[in-house]
Amino acid sequence: MFSKIILSMAALRVISGTLEILAAIWILRLNQVDKALMVNTGLAVVGPLVLLTTTTIGLVGIADKISLGKFAWIIVGVSCIFIGILKK
């Protein structure tokens, strides 16, 4: 059977993917560029939040198995991803 951490991470990704598909359908139904951009902007907020949440859950699951140094490198890596996303 799957662990709770794996199930939680997978469930978040399924929910995120479902939101992406529903947003695409919604964009098609709206059929207006300005409204489609608003929907797309909402998805731009959801994506990084799902990344951060699933990464946090995963780190909690392996926290007892990795050294503090490796844990710090993971945090630095995720921070770099967010800096790259948020920088203009």
N, C-alpha and C. Protein backbone atom coordinates (compact mmCIF):
# COMPACT_ATOMS: atom_id res chain seq x y z
N MET A 1 0.84 -1.20 0.00
CA MET A 1 0.00 0.00 0.00
C MET A 1 0.88 1.25 0.00
N PHE A 2 0.31 2.35 -0.40
CA PHE A 2 1.05 3.61 -0.49
C PHE A 2 1.08 4.31 0.87
N SER A 3 2.16 5.05 1.10
CA SER A 3 2.24 5.81 2.34
C SER A 3 1.35 7.04 2.25
N LYS A 4 1.04 7.61 3.39
CA LYS A 4 0.20 8.81 3.43
C LYS A 4 0.86 9.98 2.72
N ILE A 5 2.16 10.06 2.81
CA ILE A 5 2.88 11.16 2.16
C ILE A 5 2.78 11.04 0.65
N ILE A 6 2.98 9.85 0.12
CA ILE A 6 2.87 9.64 -1.32
C ILE A 6 1.44 9.93 -1.78
N LEU A 7 0.46 9.45 -1.05
CA LEU A 7 -0.94 9.71 -1.41
C LEU A 7 -1.26 11.20 -1.38
N SER A 8 -0.72 11.91 -0.39
CA SER A 8 -0.96 13.35 -0.30
C SER A 8 -0.35 14.09 -1.48
N MET A 9 0.89 13.75 -1.81
CA MET A 9 1.56 14.40 -2.93
C MET A 9 0.82 14.11 -4.24
N ALA A 10 0.44 12.87 -4.44
CA ALA A 10 -0.26 12.51 -5.67
C ALA A 10 -1.63 13.18 -5.74
N ALA A 11 -2.32 13.24 -4.62
CA ALA A 11 -3.65 13.88 -4.60
C ALA A 11 -3.55 15.36 -4.95
N LEU A 12 -2.54 16.04 -4.42
CA LEU A 12 -2.35 17.45 -4.77
C LEU A 12 -2.09 17.63 -6.25
N ARG A 13 -1.29 16.75 -6.84
CA ARG A 13 -1.01 16.84 -8.27
C ARG A 13 -2.24 16.52 -9.12
N VAL A 14 -3.05 15.58 -8.69
CA VAL A 14 -4.29 15.27 -9.41
C VAL A 14 -5.24 16.47 -9.35
N ILE A 15 -5.35 17.06 -8.17
CA ILE A 15 -6.21 18.25 -8.02
C ILE A 15 -5.69 19.39 -8.89
N SER A 16 -4.38 19.59 -8.88
CA SER A 16 -3.78 20.65 -9.69
C SER A 16 -4.02 20.41 -11.18
N GLY A 17 -3.84 19.18 -11.61
CA GLY A 17 -4.07 18.84 -13.01
C GLY A 17 -5.53 19.02 -13.41
N THR A 18 -6.42 18.65 -12.51
CA THR A 18 -7.85 18.84 -12.77
C THR A 18 -8.18 20.32 -12.90
N LEU A 19 -7.60 21.14 -12.03
CA LEU A 19 -7.80 22.59 -12.13
C LEU A 19 -7.30 23.13 -13.46
N GLU A 20 -6.16 22.63 -13.92
CA GLU A 20 -5.61 23.06 -15.21
C GLU A 20 -6.56 22.71 -16.36
N ILE A 21 -7.08 21.51 -16.35
CA ILE A 21 -8.01 21.09 -17.41
C ILE A 21 -9.30 21.90 -17.35
N LEU A 22 -9.83 22.09 -16.15
CA LEU A 22 -11.05 22.88 -16.01
C LEU A 22 -10.84 24.32 -16.45
N ALA A 23 -9.67 24.87 -16.14
CA ALA A 23 -9.36 26.24 -16.56
C ALA A 23 -9.27 26.32 -18.08
N ALA A 24 -8.69 25.32 -18.72
CA ALA A 24 -8.60 25.32 -20.18
C ALA A 24 -9.99 25.28 -20.81
N ILE A 25 -10.87 24.47 -20.25
CA ILE A 25 -12.25 24.41 -20.75
C ILE A 25 -12.95 25.75 -20.53
N TRP A 26 -12.72 26.33 -19.37
CA TRP A 26 -13.32 27.63 -19.05
C TRP A 26 -12.84 28.71 -20.01
N ILE A 27 -11.53 28.70 -20.31
CA ILE A 27 -10.97 29.66 -21.26
C ILE A 27 -11.64 29.51 -22.62
N LEU A 28 -11.82 28.28 -23.05
CA LEU A 28 -12.49 28.04 -24.34
C LEU A 28 -13.93 28.55 -24.33
N ARG A 29 -14.61 28.34 -23.23
CA ARG A 29 -16.00 28.79 -23.13
C ARG A 29 -16.12 30.31 -23.06
N LEU A 30 -15.14 30.96 -22.41
CA LEU A 30 -15.17 32.42 -22.31
C LEU A 30 -14.96 33.06 -23.68
N ASN A 31 -14.02 32.51 -24.44
CA ASN A 31 -13.76 32.96 -25.80
C ASN A 31 -13.43 34.45 -25.89
N GLN A 32 -12.79 34.98 -24.85
CA GLN A 32 -12.36 36.38 -24.83
C GLN A 32 -10.97 36.43 -24.22
N VAL A 33 -10.07 37.13 -24.91
CA VAL A 33 -8.67 37.14 -24.49
C VAL A 33 -8.50 37.75 -23.10
N ASP A 34 -9.18 38.86 -22.82
CA ASP A 34 -8.99 39.52 -21.52
C ASP A 34 -9.45 38.63 -20.37
N LYS A 35 -10.56 37.94 -20.54
CA LYS A 35 -11.04 37.04 -19.49
C LYS A 35 -10.17 35.79 -19.39
N ALA A 36 -9.68 35.32 -20.52
CA ALA A 36 -8.79 34.16 -20.53
C ALA A 36 -7.49 34.47 -19.78
N LEU A 37 -7.00 35.69 -19.94
CA LEU A 37 -5.80 36.09 -19.21
C LEU A 37 -6.04 36.11 -17.70
N MET A 38 -7.21 36.50 -17.29
CA MET A 38 -7.54 36.50 -15.85
C MET A 38 -7.53 35.07 -15.31
N VAL A 39 -8.11 34.14 -16.05
CA VAL A 39 -8.11 32.74 -15.63
C VAL A 39 -6.67 32.22 -15.59
N ASN A 40 -5.90 32.55 -16.60
CA ASN A 40 -4.50 32.11 -16.67
C ASN A 40 -3.69 32.67 -15.51
N THR A 41 -3.95 33.91 -15.14
CA THR A 41 -3.25 34.52 -14.01
C THR A 41 -3.57 33.78 -12.71
N GLY A 42 -4.82 33.37 -12.55
CA GLY A 42 -5.18 32.58 -11.38
C GLY A 42 -4.40 31.27 -11.32
N LEU A 43 -4.20 30.65 -12.47
CA LEU A 43 -3.42 29.41 -12.52
C LEU A 43 -1.95 29.66 -12.20
N ALA A 44 -1.47 30.83 -12.55
CA ALA A 44 -0.07 31.17 -12.25
C ALA A 44 0.18 31.23 -10.75
N VAL A 45 -0.86 31.48 -9.99
CA VAL A 45 -0.74 31.50 -8.53
C VAL A 45 -0.82 30.07 -7.99
N VAL A 46 -1.67 29.26 -8.56
CA VAL A 46 -1.89 27.90 -8.07
C VAL A 46 -0.66 27.02 -8.28
N GLY A 47 -0.02 27.14 -9.44
CA GLY A 47 1.12 26.28 -9.77
C GLY A 47 2.24 26.32 -8.74
N PRO A 48 2.77 27.49 -8.44
CA PRO A 48 3.84 27.56 -7.43
C PRO A 48 3.40 27.10 -6.05
N LEU A 49 2.15 27.36 -5.70
CA LEU A 49 1.66 26.91 -4.40
C LEU A 49 1.64 25.39 -4.32
N VAL A 50 1.23 24.74 -5.41
CA VAL A 50 1.22 23.27 -5.44
C VAL A 50 2.65 22.76 -5.37
N LEU A 51 3.57 23.38 -6.11
CA LEU A 51 4.98 22.99 -6.05
C LEU A 51 5.52 23.09 -4.64
N LEU A 52 5.27 24.21 -4.00
CA LEU A 52 5.76 24.41 -2.64
C LEU A 52 5.14 23.42 -1.66
N THR A 53 3.86 23.19 -1.78
CA THR A 53 3.17 22.27 -0.87
C THR A 53 3.64 20.83 -1.05
N THR A 54 3.72 20.37 -2.30
CA THR A 54 4.17 18.98 -2.52
C THR A 54 5.63 18.80 -2.11
N THR A 55 6.45 19.80 -2.35
CA THR A 55 7.85 19.73 -1.92
C THR A 55 7.95 19.67 -0.40
N THR A 56 7.15 20.48 0.27
CA THR A 56 7.15 20.48 1.74
C THR A 56 6.71 19.13 2.27
N ILE A 57 5.66 18.58 1.72
CA ILE A 57 5.19 17.27 2.16
C ILE A 57 6.27 16.21 1.94
N GLY A 58 6.91 16.26 0.78
CA GLY A 58 7.98 15.31 0.48
C GLY A 58 9.15 15.45 1.43
N LEU A 59 9.52 16.69 1.74
CA LEU A 59 10.63 16.92 2.67
C LEU A 59 10.30 16.43 4.07
N VAL A 60 9.07 16.61 4.47
CA VAL A 60 8.65 16.09 5.78
C VAL A 60 8.80 14.57 5.80
N GLY A 61 8.48 13.94 4.67
CA GLY A 61 8.57 12.49 4.58
C GLY A 61 9.98 11.95 4.63
N ILE A 62 10.96 12.72 4.17
CA ILE A 62 12.34 12.23 4.17
C ILE A 62 13.24 12.96 5.16
N ALA A 63 12.67 13.81 5.97
CA ALA A 63 13.47 14.64 6.88
C ALA A 63 14.36 13.81 7.80
N ASP A 64 13.90 12.66 8.22
CA ASP A 64 14.70 11.84 9.12
C ASP A 64 15.75 11.02 8.39
N LYS A 65 15.71 11.01 7.05
CA LYS A 65 16.62 10.18 6.27
C LYS A 65 17.76 10.96 5.61
N ILE A 66 17.69 12.29 5.62
CA ILE A 66 18.74 13.07 4.96
C ILE A 66 19.44 13.97 5.98
N SER A 67 20.66 14.33 5.62
CA SER A 67 21.44 15.19 6.52
C SER A 67 20.93 16.62 6.45
N LEU A 68 21.32 17.39 7.44
CA LEU A 68 20.93 18.79 7.49
C LEU A 68 21.50 19.57 6.30
N GLY A 69 22.70 19.20 5.87
CA GLY A 69 23.33 19.84 4.72
C GLY A 69 22.53 19.62 3.43
N LYS A 70 22.10 18.39 3.19
CA LYS A 70 21.29 18.10 2.01
C LYS A 70 19.94 18.80 2.09
N PHE A 71 19.39 18.84 3.27
CA PHE A 71 18.11 19.53 3.47
C PHE A 71 18.25 21.01 3.11
N ALA A 72 19.36 21.62 3.53
CA ALA A 72 19.62 23.03 3.22
C ALA A 72 19.75 23.23 1.71
N TRP A 73 20.45 22.32 1.02
CA TRP A 73 20.58 22.44 -0.44
C TRP A 73 19.24 22.34 -1.14
N ILE A 74 18.37 21.50 -0.64
CA ILE A 74 17.02 21.39 -1.22
C ILE A 74 16.27 22.71 -1.05
N ILE A 75 16.35 23.29 0.14
CA ILE A 75 15.69 24.58 0.39
C ILE A 75 16.27 25.66 -0.53
N VAL A 76 17.59 25.67 -0.70
CA VAL A 76 18.22 26.64 -1.60
C VAL A 76 17.72 26.44 -3.03
N GLY A 77 17.63 25.19 -3.47
CA GLY A 77 17.16 24.90 -4.82
C GLY A 77 15.73 25.35 -5.05
N VAL A 78 14.85 25.07 -4.12
CA VAL A 78 13.45 25.49 -4.25
C VAL A 78 13.37 27.02 -4.22
N SER A 79 14.19 27.64 -3.38
CA SER A 79 14.21 29.12 -3.34
C SER A 79 14.65 29.69 -4.68
N CYS A 80 15.64 29.07 -5.31
CA CYS A 80 16.09 29.54 -6.62
C CYS A 80 14.98 29.42 -7.66
N ILE A 81 14.21 28.36 -7.60
CA ILE A 81 13.09 28.19 -8.52
C ILE A 81 12.11 29.36 -8.35
N PHE A 82 11.78 29.67 -7.10
CA PHE A 82 10.82 30.74 -6.86
C PHE A 82 11.39 32.12 -7.24
N ILE A 83 12.67 32.32 -7.00
CA ILE A 83 13.28 33.59 -7.40
C ILE A 83 13.23 33.71 -8.93
N GLY A 84 13.51 32.63 -9.62
CA GLY A 84 13.44 32.64 -11.08
C GLY A 84 12.03 32.89 -11.60
N ILE A 85 11.05 32.37 -10.93
CA ILE A 85 9.65 32.56 -11.36
C ILE A 85 9.21 33.99 -11.09
N LEU A 86 9.56 34.52 -9.95
CA LEU A 86 9.04 35.81 -9.53
C LEU A 86 9.82 37.02 -10.05
N LYS A 87 11.07 36.82 -10.48
CA LYS A 87 11.85 37.95 -11.01
C LYS A 87 11.31 38.36 -12.37
N LYS A 88 11.32 39.66 -12.61
CA LYS A 88 10.84 40.16 -13.91
C LYS A 88 11.99 40.52 -14.79
